[in-house]
Structure formats: structure tokens, C-alpha cells
Amino acid sequence: MKENKIILAACGPFEKEFLKKIARSAENEFRIPVTFEERHFDLAPFYNPGRRQYDANKLLSYISDSSVNEGAKVLGLFRVDLFIPILTYVFGQAKLNGGSAIASIYRLRNEMYGLKNNEALLLSRATKEVIHELGHSFGLIHCHVQTCVMRSSTYVEDIDQKSHNFCSGCREILDRK
């Protein structure tokens, strides 16, 4: 991999310990340093009042355009509901082989589905989504191995069924980069 680090950009209020745990897991999976930083900007231009959601493509472009870190992948982590025009919602978005990605915890929270708050499950889901979207930024496509973190996830139950790790095939592709 030619990138020398990953930056987890907290675009909203997140507990530092939550970010540290995600960063540590991503660092273990990608085998390069992961740091985190806070980013503050107005989300209003990305809001679609008709959908009452935020445009993931526009947010991804903004994160990409505002990143000046040579040799680093940047993932913007949000707390808002994301969509792309062809889907009702998305958990995240990335540019394949690009320098940036985004993910949101909005639909990863149990409370979204009328269930009791579960911080450990939220952390697990967020970690998997961060690693998944960063995987796309490193050129990985969706995988058909059930437990691979690169398997596509339409619902949170899909996220819960996969691991935080790359399967041997995805790991091999990643290691060749």
C-alpha cells in the first residue's frame, strides 16, 4: 500500500474512546497507522429537505475536496442519515481506489429500530462500516464470503453477521497494493 496512514475524521460529536477503538481496529486490519481528528463544517448544504436526509455523494465529494493529506486515506464519520439517489439510505459511501470515504452511525443505532440502546453493538457495527468503506477506497469490491467485512450490507442484520476482518482473498488483494 502506498498510503502511509488513515485519518478518521469525526464530523460531529463523538466520544474519543469510541473513535480510538475504531481507529485501533482499522489500524490492525489495514496494518498502517490510523489517527483521528475533528472536522467542523455546516451540514446544511448537504441536507435534502424532501428526503429529510443528507446526500452521501455530496458529503463524500466535500471530504475528498477538503482533504490535503498527501499519502493518507480520509474517512469522514457522521451521525446523520445518508442517502444516494438510487437508494433509500446508505451506511456509507466511498470512491473505489479513491482517497476518501464516509460512514454514518445514524442507522447503526439499535434505537433506530425500536430496540434498547447497545453501545457495544453500535461500536461493532461502526467499526465494520469504517473498515468496509475504507476497503473500497483501497480498491476492494464487494465480496461474497459471508463473514468478510467487504460483503455488501443492506440491513444492520447483514452487518451483524459479518466480521471486522477481510477474508483471505480480500486480504491477498489488499496486501498486493
Foldseek 3Di string as FASTA:
>chain_A
DQFQEEEEEEADDDDPVLVVVLQVLLCVALVHHYYYDYDYDDQVVQADVVLRFGEQVVVFVVVQVPDPDPRYAYEYEEATWYDHVVDSGDQWAAAQLARYIYGYLNQQAPVVVVDDGDVVSSSQLVSLVVNLRVLRNLHDAADPPQAASVHDDPHNVSSVRHHSHHDPVSSVVSVVD
